[in-house]
N, C-alpha and C. Protein backbone atom coordinates (compact mmCIF):
# COMPACT_ATOMS: atom_id res chain seq x y z
N MET A 1 -4.22 7.30 8.81
CA MET A 1 -4.28 7.77 7.46
C MET A 1 -3.72 9.19 7.43
N SER A 2 -2.75 9.41 6.66
CA SER A 2 -2.04 10.69 6.58
C SER A 2 -2.96 11.80 6.05
N GLY A 3 -2.97 12.89 6.56
CA GLY A 3 -3.71 14.03 6.07
C GLY A 3 -5.18 13.98 6.48
N CYS A 4 -5.63 13.02 7.21
CA CYS A 4 -7.05 12.97 7.59
C CYS A 4 -7.27 13.74 8.82
N THR A 5 -8.16 14.73 8.77
CA THR A 5 -8.48 15.49 9.92
C THR A 5 -9.81 15.11 10.48
N CYS A 6 -10.37 14.06 9.89
CA CYS A 6 -11.70 13.57 10.38
C CYS A 6 -11.53 12.96 11.72
N PHE A 7 -12.45 13.31 12.60
CA PHE A 7 -12.61 12.57 13.84
C PHE A 7 -13.57 11.44 13.49
N ASN A 8 -13.48 10.29 14.00
CA ASN A 8 -14.28 9.10 13.62
C ASN A 8 -14.19 8.79 12.19
N ALA A 9 -12.94 8.71 11.68
CA ALA A 9 -12.73 8.43 10.30
C ALA A 9 -13.34 7.08 9.82
N ASP A 10 -13.35 6.04 10.78
CA ASP A 10 -13.92 4.82 10.41
C ASP A 10 -15.39 4.96 10.19
N LYS A 11 -16.06 5.68 11.09
CA LYS A 11 -17.49 5.91 10.91
C LYS A 11 -17.82 6.68 9.67
N LYS A 12 -17.00 7.76 9.36
CA LYS A 12 -17.13 8.48 8.10
C LYS A 12 -16.97 7.64 6.86
N LEU A 13 -15.99 6.64 6.84
CA LEU A 13 -15.80 5.68 5.81
C LEU A 13 -16.97 4.80 5.63
N ASP A 14 -17.56 4.36 6.75
CA ASP A 14 -18.71 3.51 6.68
C ASP A 14 -19.89 4.26 6.04
N GLU A 15 -20.08 5.52 6.36
CA GLU A 15 -21.11 6.37 5.78
C GLU A 15 -20.85 6.45 4.26
N ILE A 16 -19.65 6.69 3.83
CA ILE A 16 -19.36 6.85 2.43
C ILE A 16 -19.61 5.59 1.67
N LEU A 17 -19.21 4.46 2.21
CA LEU A 17 -19.35 3.17 1.56
C LEU A 17 -20.80 2.75 1.54
N THR A 18 -21.57 3.13 2.49
CA THR A 18 -23.02 2.85 2.51
C THR A 18 -23.73 3.62 1.48
N ASN A 19 -23.41 4.93 1.32
CA ASN A 19 -24.23 5.86 0.57
C ASN A 19 -23.70 6.02 -0.91
N ASP A 20 -22.50 5.51 -1.19
CA ASP A 20 -21.97 5.69 -2.57
C ASP A 20 -21.55 4.35 -3.12
N VAL A 21 -22.36 3.87 -4.02
CA VAL A 21 -22.19 2.52 -4.63
C VAL A 21 -20.82 2.46 -5.37
N ALA A 22 -20.39 3.50 -6.07
CA ALA A 22 -19.14 3.44 -6.82
C ALA A 22 -17.95 3.44 -5.85
N ALA A 23 -18.11 4.22 -4.69
CA ALA A 23 -17.01 4.25 -3.71
C ALA A 23 -16.96 2.77 -3.07
N ARG A 24 -18.05 2.14 -2.79
CA ARG A 24 -18.07 0.78 -2.18
C ARG A 24 -17.35 -0.18 -3.12
N LYS A 25 -17.63 -0.04 -4.42
CA LYS A 25 -17.02 -0.95 -5.47
C LYS A 25 -15.58 -0.80 -5.50
N GLU A 26 -15.09 0.53 -5.50
CA GLU A 26 -13.71 0.83 -5.47
C GLU A 26 -13.02 0.32 -4.22
N TRP A 27 -13.58 0.51 -3.06
CA TRP A 27 -13.03 0.03 -1.83
C TRP A 27 -12.94 -1.39 -1.81
N ASP A 28 -13.95 -2.09 -2.18
CA ASP A 28 -13.94 -3.61 -2.17
C ASP A 28 -12.86 -4.12 -3.12
N LYS A 29 -12.47 -3.41 -4.19
CA LYS A 29 -11.55 -3.82 -5.09
C LYS A 29 -10.16 -3.52 -4.68
N THR A 30 -9.88 -2.40 -4.10
CA THR A 30 -8.51 -1.87 -3.82
C THR A 30 -8.16 -1.55 -2.39
N PHE A 31 -9.25 -1.45 -1.54
CA PHE A 31 -9.09 -1.03 -0.10
C PHE A 31 -8.57 0.44 -0.07
N LYS A 32 -8.86 1.14 -1.11
CA LYS A 32 -8.56 2.60 -1.08
C LYS A 32 -9.59 3.32 -1.84
N LEU A 33 -9.66 4.66 -1.70
CA LEU A 33 -10.55 5.54 -2.45
C LEU A 33 -9.65 6.60 -3.09
N LYS A 34 -9.77 6.62 -4.40
CA LYS A 34 -8.91 7.59 -5.16
C LYS A 34 -9.24 9.01 -4.66
N HIS A 35 -10.52 9.35 -4.52
CA HIS A 35 -10.96 10.67 -4.12
C HIS A 35 -11.59 10.60 -2.71
N ASP A 36 -10.80 10.23 -1.75
CA ASP A 36 -11.31 10.04 -0.39
C ASP A 36 -11.59 11.38 0.25
N PRO A 37 -12.92 11.70 0.59
CA PRO A 37 -13.17 13.10 1.04
C PRO A 37 -12.73 13.29 2.43
N ARG A 38 -12.16 12.30 3.13
CA ARG A 38 -11.68 12.42 4.48
C ARG A 38 -10.21 13.07 4.46
N VAL A 39 -9.57 13.05 3.32
CA VAL A 39 -8.18 13.45 3.18
C VAL A 39 -8.13 14.94 2.82
N THR A 40 -7.25 15.68 3.55
CA THR A 40 -7.13 17.08 3.29
C THR A 40 -6.17 17.41 2.15
N TRP A 41 -6.05 18.61 1.68
CA TRP A 41 -5.12 18.99 0.58
C TRP A 41 -3.72 18.58 0.92
N ILE A 42 -3.27 18.84 2.23
CA ILE A 42 -1.93 18.49 2.67
C ILE A 42 -1.73 16.99 2.66
N GLY A 43 -2.74 16.27 3.05
CA GLY A 43 -2.71 14.81 3.02
C GLY A 43 -2.56 14.28 1.57
N ARG A 44 -3.24 14.92 0.64
CA ARG A 44 -3.12 14.48 -0.71
C ARG A 44 -1.71 14.72 -1.26
N PHE A 45 -1.15 15.87 -0.83
CA PHE A 45 0.22 16.21 -1.24
C PHE A 45 1.20 15.21 -0.65
N LEU A 46 1.00 14.88 0.61
CA LEU A 46 1.96 13.92 1.20
C LEU A 46 1.88 12.60 0.58
N ARG A 47 0.65 12.13 0.27
CA ARG A 47 0.46 10.88 -0.45
C ARG A 47 1.05 10.84 -1.82
N LYS A 48 0.79 11.96 -2.59
CA LYS A 48 1.29 12.07 -4.02
C LYS A 48 2.80 11.98 -4.06
N THR A 49 3.46 12.59 -3.08
CA THR A 49 4.93 12.58 -3.06
C THR A 49 5.44 11.43 -2.22
N SER A 50 4.63 10.63 -1.64
CA SER A 50 4.96 9.42 -0.83
C SER A 50 5.69 9.87 0.48
N LEU A 51 5.63 11.11 0.81
CA LEU A 51 6.22 11.59 2.08
C LEU A 51 5.53 11.06 3.25
N ASP A 52 4.28 10.56 3.06
CA ASP A 52 3.54 9.99 4.13
C ASP A 52 4.14 8.67 4.58
N GLU A 53 5.10 8.10 3.81
CA GLU A 53 5.78 6.86 4.16
C GLU A 53 6.96 7.07 5.09
N LEU A 54 7.45 8.28 5.21
CA LEU A 54 8.66 8.59 5.97
C LEU A 54 8.57 8.06 7.45
N PRO A 55 7.51 8.16 8.14
CA PRO A 55 7.38 7.69 9.49
C PRO A 55 7.59 6.15 9.55
N GLN A 56 7.43 5.45 8.44
CA GLN A 56 7.67 3.98 8.42
C GLN A 56 9.14 3.66 8.70
N PHE A 57 9.99 4.65 8.50
CA PHE A 57 11.44 4.36 8.72
C PHE A 57 11.67 4.15 10.23
N ILE A 58 10.82 4.67 11.10
CA ILE A 58 10.88 4.34 12.50
C ILE A 58 10.78 2.84 12.76
N ASN A 59 9.80 2.25 11.97
CA ASN A 59 9.54 0.83 12.05
C ASN A 59 10.67 0.01 11.60
N VAL A 60 11.35 0.61 10.45
CA VAL A 60 12.67 -0.14 9.97
C VAL A 60 13.66 -0.14 11.08
N LEU A 61 13.92 1.06 11.69
CA LEU A 61 14.93 1.14 12.78
C LEU A 61 14.59 0.24 13.95
N LYS A 62 13.30 0.05 14.20
CA LYS A 62 12.89 -0.83 15.36
C LYS A 62 13.04 -2.27 14.93
N GLY A 63 13.21 -2.57 13.58
CA GLY A 63 13.33 -3.93 13.18
C GLY A 63 11.98 -4.57 12.88
N ASP A 64 10.91 -3.83 12.84
CA ASP A 64 9.53 -4.32 12.55
C ASP A 64 9.23 -4.46 11.03
N MET A 65 10.05 -3.66 10.25
CA MET A 65 9.81 -3.62 8.84
C MET A 65 11.18 -3.56 8.12
N SER A 66 11.18 -3.80 6.80
CA SER A 66 12.43 -3.59 6.06
C SER A 66 12.14 -2.46 5.10
N ILE A 67 13.16 -2.00 4.43
CA ILE A 67 13.02 -0.96 3.40
C ILE A 67 12.27 -1.54 2.18
N VAL A 68 12.70 -2.77 1.77
CA VAL A 68 12.05 -3.41 0.56
C VAL A 68 11.45 -4.66 1.07
N GLY A 69 10.23 -4.99 0.61
CA GLY A 69 9.54 -6.16 0.95
C GLY A 69 8.14 -6.04 0.49
N ALA A 70 7.34 -7.14 0.75
CA ALA A 70 5.92 -7.15 0.38
C ALA A 70 5.26 -6.02 1.28
N ARG A 71 4.20 -5.40 0.87
CA ARG A 71 3.47 -4.40 1.55
C ARG A 71 2.77 -4.95 2.79
N PRO A 72 2.73 -4.17 3.92
CA PRO A 72 2.03 -4.65 5.06
C PRO A 72 0.48 -4.83 4.76
N ILE A 73 -0.11 -5.82 5.32
CA ILE A 73 -1.54 -6.05 5.10
C ILE A 73 -2.13 -6.36 6.45
N VAL A 74 -3.50 -6.37 6.44
CA VAL A 74 -4.22 -6.69 7.67
C VAL A 74 -4.65 -8.15 7.52
N SER A 75 -5.06 -8.80 8.70
CA SER A 75 -5.37 -10.17 8.66
C SER A 75 -6.57 -10.56 7.72
N HIS A 76 -7.44 -9.65 7.52
CA HIS A 76 -8.54 -9.93 6.62
C HIS A 76 -8.04 -10.14 5.23
N GLU A 77 -7.03 -9.36 4.76
CA GLU A 77 -6.43 -9.42 3.35
C GLU A 77 -5.66 -10.78 3.34
N LEU A 78 -4.96 -11.17 4.42
CA LEU A 78 -4.19 -12.36 4.42
C LEU A 78 -5.12 -13.57 4.20
N SER A 79 -6.17 -13.72 4.95
CA SER A 79 -7.05 -14.83 4.80
C SER A 79 -7.93 -14.81 3.50
N CYS A 80 -8.25 -13.61 3.07
CA CYS A 80 -9.12 -13.57 1.83
C CYS A 80 -8.34 -13.64 0.54
N TYR A 81 -7.18 -13.14 0.48
CA TYR A 81 -6.51 -12.99 -0.81
C TYR A 81 -5.22 -13.82 -0.89
N TYR A 82 -4.47 -13.91 0.19
CA TYR A 82 -3.20 -14.52 0.13
C TYR A 82 -3.29 -16.10 0.29
N LYS A 83 -4.43 -16.51 0.96
CA LYS A 83 -4.73 -17.91 1.23
C LYS A 83 -3.58 -18.79 1.33
N GLU A 84 -3.31 -19.68 0.33
CA GLU A 84 -2.21 -20.71 0.44
C GLU A 84 -0.84 -20.02 0.38
N ASN A 85 -0.77 -18.76 0.01
CA ASN A 85 0.50 -18.13 -0.04
C ASN A 85 0.66 -17.23 1.19
N GLY A 86 -0.22 -17.36 2.22
CA GLY A 86 -0.14 -16.58 3.43
C GLY A 86 1.12 -16.87 4.20
N GLY A 87 1.46 -18.12 4.33
CA GLY A 87 2.67 -18.49 5.08
C GLY A 87 3.93 -17.99 4.41
N LEU A 88 3.96 -17.94 3.09
CA LEU A 88 5.02 -17.39 2.32
C LEU A 88 5.20 -15.97 2.59
N TYR A 89 4.03 -15.23 2.52
CA TYR A 89 4.02 -13.79 2.74
C TYR A 89 4.51 -13.51 4.11
N CYS A 90 4.14 -14.21 5.16
CA CYS A 90 4.50 -13.94 6.48
C CYS A 90 5.88 -14.35 6.87
N SER A 91 6.56 -15.00 5.94
CA SER A 91 7.93 -15.45 6.13
C SER A 91 8.94 -14.33 6.18
N MET A 92 8.49 -13.13 5.79
CA MET A 92 9.44 -12.06 5.73
C MET A 92 8.80 -10.75 6.36
N LYS A 93 9.59 -9.84 6.74
CA LYS A 93 9.16 -8.58 7.27
C LYS A 93 8.45 -7.79 6.17
N PRO A 94 7.38 -7.02 6.39
CA PRO A 94 6.78 -6.19 5.36
C PRO A 94 7.76 -5.06 5.09
N GLY A 95 7.61 -4.43 3.93
CA GLY A 95 8.58 -3.41 3.52
C GLY A 95 7.82 -2.11 3.18
N ILE A 96 8.62 -0.97 3.16
CA ILE A 96 8.08 0.32 2.79
C ILE A 96 7.80 0.36 1.29
N ALA A 97 8.84 -0.22 0.53
CA ALA A 97 8.79 -0.25 -0.95
C ALA A 97 8.85 -1.74 -1.34
N GLY A 98 8.18 -1.99 -2.48
CA GLY A 98 8.14 -3.33 -3.05
C GLY A 98 7.79 -3.30 -4.49
N PRO A 99 7.69 -4.49 -5.08
CA PRO A 99 7.35 -4.57 -6.50
C PRO A 99 5.98 -3.90 -6.86
N TRP A 100 5.03 -4.05 -6.01
CA TRP A 100 3.69 -3.50 -6.19
C TRP A 100 3.75 -2.00 -6.28
N GLN A 101 4.54 -1.34 -5.47
CA GLN A 101 4.72 0.07 -5.43
C GLN A 101 5.35 0.62 -6.64
N VAL A 102 6.34 -0.08 -7.22
CA VAL A 102 7.05 0.46 -8.32
C VAL A 102 6.52 0.03 -9.72
N SER A 103 5.46 -0.85 -9.68
CA SER A 103 4.89 -1.27 -10.89
C SER A 103 3.66 -0.44 -11.22
N ASN A 104 2.60 -0.63 -10.49
CA ASN A 104 1.36 0.04 -10.72
C ASN A 104 0.89 0.89 -9.54
N ARG A 105 1.47 0.72 -8.45
CA ARG A 105 1.09 1.49 -7.22
C ARG A 105 -0.48 1.27 -7.01
N SER A 106 -1.13 2.39 -6.76
CA SER A 106 -2.64 2.27 -6.56
C SER A 106 -3.38 2.10 -7.75
N ASP A 107 -2.77 2.12 -8.96
CA ASP A 107 -3.47 1.89 -10.21
C ASP A 107 -3.61 0.46 -10.57
N THR A 108 -3.14 -0.47 -9.64
CA THR A 108 -3.32 -1.92 -9.87
C THR A 108 -4.80 -2.17 -9.99
N GLU A 109 -5.19 -2.87 -11.00
CA GLU A 109 -6.65 -3.11 -11.33
C GLU A 109 -7.30 -4.03 -10.46
N ASN A 110 -6.58 -5.17 -10.05
CA ASN A 110 -7.16 -6.08 -9.12
C ASN A 110 -6.19 -6.64 -8.08
N TYR A 111 -6.75 -6.98 -6.95
CA TYR A 111 -5.99 -7.29 -5.80
C TYR A 111 -5.08 -8.55 -6.08
N ALA A 112 -5.60 -9.46 -6.84
CA ALA A 112 -4.82 -10.65 -7.20
C ALA A 112 -3.48 -10.33 -7.79
N GLU A 113 -3.43 -9.25 -8.60
CA GLU A 113 -2.22 -8.80 -9.13
C GLU A 113 -1.24 -8.38 -8.11
N ARG A 114 -1.67 -7.69 -7.15
CA ARG A 114 -0.83 -7.28 -5.99
C ARG A 114 -0.29 -8.55 -5.23
N VAL A 115 -1.19 -9.51 -4.93
CA VAL A 115 -0.77 -10.73 -4.32
C VAL A 115 0.25 -11.48 -5.14
N ALA A 116 0.10 -11.47 -6.43
CA ALA A 116 1.06 -12.18 -7.31
C ALA A 116 2.41 -11.47 -7.30
N LEU A 117 2.47 -10.16 -7.32
CA LEU A 117 3.64 -9.38 -7.13
C LEU A 117 4.39 -9.61 -5.81
N ASP A 118 3.63 -9.70 -4.74
CA ASP A 118 4.21 -9.96 -3.46
C ASP A 118 4.81 -11.29 -3.41
N THR A 119 4.02 -12.27 -3.94
CA THR A 119 4.48 -13.65 -3.97
C THR A 119 5.81 -13.82 -4.75
N TRP A 120 5.75 -13.17 -5.97
CA TRP A 120 6.91 -13.21 -6.85
C TRP A 120 8.15 -12.65 -6.11
N TYR A 121 7.91 -11.53 -5.41
CA TYR A 121 9.03 -10.89 -4.70
C TYR A 121 9.60 -11.86 -3.68
N VAL A 122 8.80 -12.43 -2.84
CA VAL A 122 9.25 -13.28 -1.78
C VAL A 122 10.13 -14.46 -2.37
N LEU A 123 9.58 -15.00 -3.44
CA LEU A 123 10.36 -16.08 -4.10
C LEU A 123 11.65 -15.69 -4.89
N ASN A 124 11.74 -14.46 -5.23
CA ASN A 124 12.90 -14.04 -6.01
C ASN A 124 13.78 -12.86 -5.43
N ARG A 125 13.51 -12.64 -4.13
CA ARG A 125 14.28 -11.43 -3.54
C ARG A 125 15.73 -11.71 -3.61
N SER A 126 16.45 -10.62 -3.77
CA SER A 126 17.88 -10.60 -3.77
C SER A 126 18.37 -9.21 -3.50
N PHE A 127 19.63 -9.05 -3.20
CA PHE A 127 20.20 -7.71 -2.96
C PHE A 127 20.00 -6.90 -4.20
N TRP A 128 20.27 -7.40 -5.39
CA TRP A 128 20.17 -6.55 -6.64
C TRP A 128 18.74 -6.20 -6.94
N LEU A 129 17.85 -7.15 -6.68
CA LEU A 129 16.45 -6.84 -6.91
C LEU A 129 16.01 -5.67 -5.93
N ASP A 130 16.38 -5.80 -4.74
CA ASP A 130 16.07 -4.68 -3.75
C ASP A 130 16.66 -3.29 -4.21
N MET A 131 17.89 -3.31 -4.70
CA MET A 131 18.51 -2.16 -5.26
C MET A 131 17.68 -1.53 -6.41
N LYS A 132 17.27 -2.42 -7.29
CA LYS A 132 16.42 -2.00 -8.38
C LYS A 132 15.13 -1.43 -7.94
N ILE A 133 14.50 -2.00 -6.98
CA ILE A 133 13.22 -1.49 -6.44
C ILE A 133 13.42 -0.16 -5.73
N ILE A 134 14.49 -0.03 -5.03
CA ILE A 134 14.83 1.23 -4.38
C ILE A 134 14.95 2.36 -5.38
N LEU A 135 15.69 2.20 -6.47
CA LEU A 135 15.86 3.18 -7.51
C LEU A 135 14.59 3.45 -8.23
N LYS A 136 13.75 2.45 -8.49
CA LYS A 136 12.54 2.62 -9.14
C LYS A 136 11.54 3.40 -8.12
N THR A 137 11.72 3.15 -6.83
CA THR A 137 10.90 3.92 -5.86
C THR A 137 11.15 5.39 -6.00
N VAL A 138 12.36 5.79 -6.08
CA VAL A 138 12.70 7.22 -6.20
C VAL A 138 12.02 7.77 -7.42
N GLY A 139 12.07 7.07 -8.59
CA GLY A 139 11.41 7.57 -9.78
C GLY A 139 9.90 7.70 -9.56
N CYS A 140 9.26 6.68 -8.87
CA CYS A 140 7.81 6.74 -8.62
C CYS A 140 7.44 7.97 -7.78
N MET A 141 8.34 8.24 -6.75
CA MET A 141 8.04 9.35 -5.86
C MET A 141 8.12 10.65 -6.59
N ILE A 142 9.05 10.87 -7.61
CA ILE A 142 9.16 12.05 -8.35
C ILE A 142 7.93 12.23 -9.29
N ARG A 143 7.53 11.13 -9.92
CA ARG A 143 6.42 11.20 -10.86
C ARG A 143 5.10 11.29 -10.09
N GLY A 144 4.92 10.65 -8.97
CA GLY A 144 3.73 10.66 -8.15
C GLY A 144 2.60 9.86 -8.86
N LYS A 145 2.84 9.07 -9.90
CA LYS A 145 1.82 8.36 -10.55
C LYS A 145 1.28 7.22 -9.66
N GLY A 146 -0.02 7.13 -9.63
CA GLY A 146 -0.59 6.09 -8.83
C GLY A 146 -0.63 6.27 -7.36
N ALA A 147 -0.19 7.39 -6.90
CA ALA A 147 -0.12 7.68 -5.48
C ALA A 147 -1.38 8.48 -5.06
N TYR A 148 -2.17 7.90 -4.16
CA TYR A 148 -3.27 8.68 -3.63
C TYR A 148 -3.73 8.03 -2.36
């Protein structure tokens, strides 16, 4: 997690989710906390400007990721949310930018919408769609909307 100076961040997250019902609800819905107390001011800046994504370019150079694609997920998300579309999702490399990031980013109201956007992208990807997403990504970085 960028900007997190917490040691034992997972333990701290467990404490937050155990003691704060609203935070638990937000986490269960989005796997993020809009006002995560573990993130420092510099971490919030890096997230807001999407500069925290720059190290992912190392993964692109290594061939583990692409610049545009569905967002990386963990196995729990794959089995719980992608279900029958899991194979489709796994058929391509995850990307730094994608349709979810340029549409609603972290303001997506439910996870099913994110899954639908990832699935749509995999089925409709093209060079021109990737160029459109890259251009929209630059706009999203400048505006910072939905980034936290």
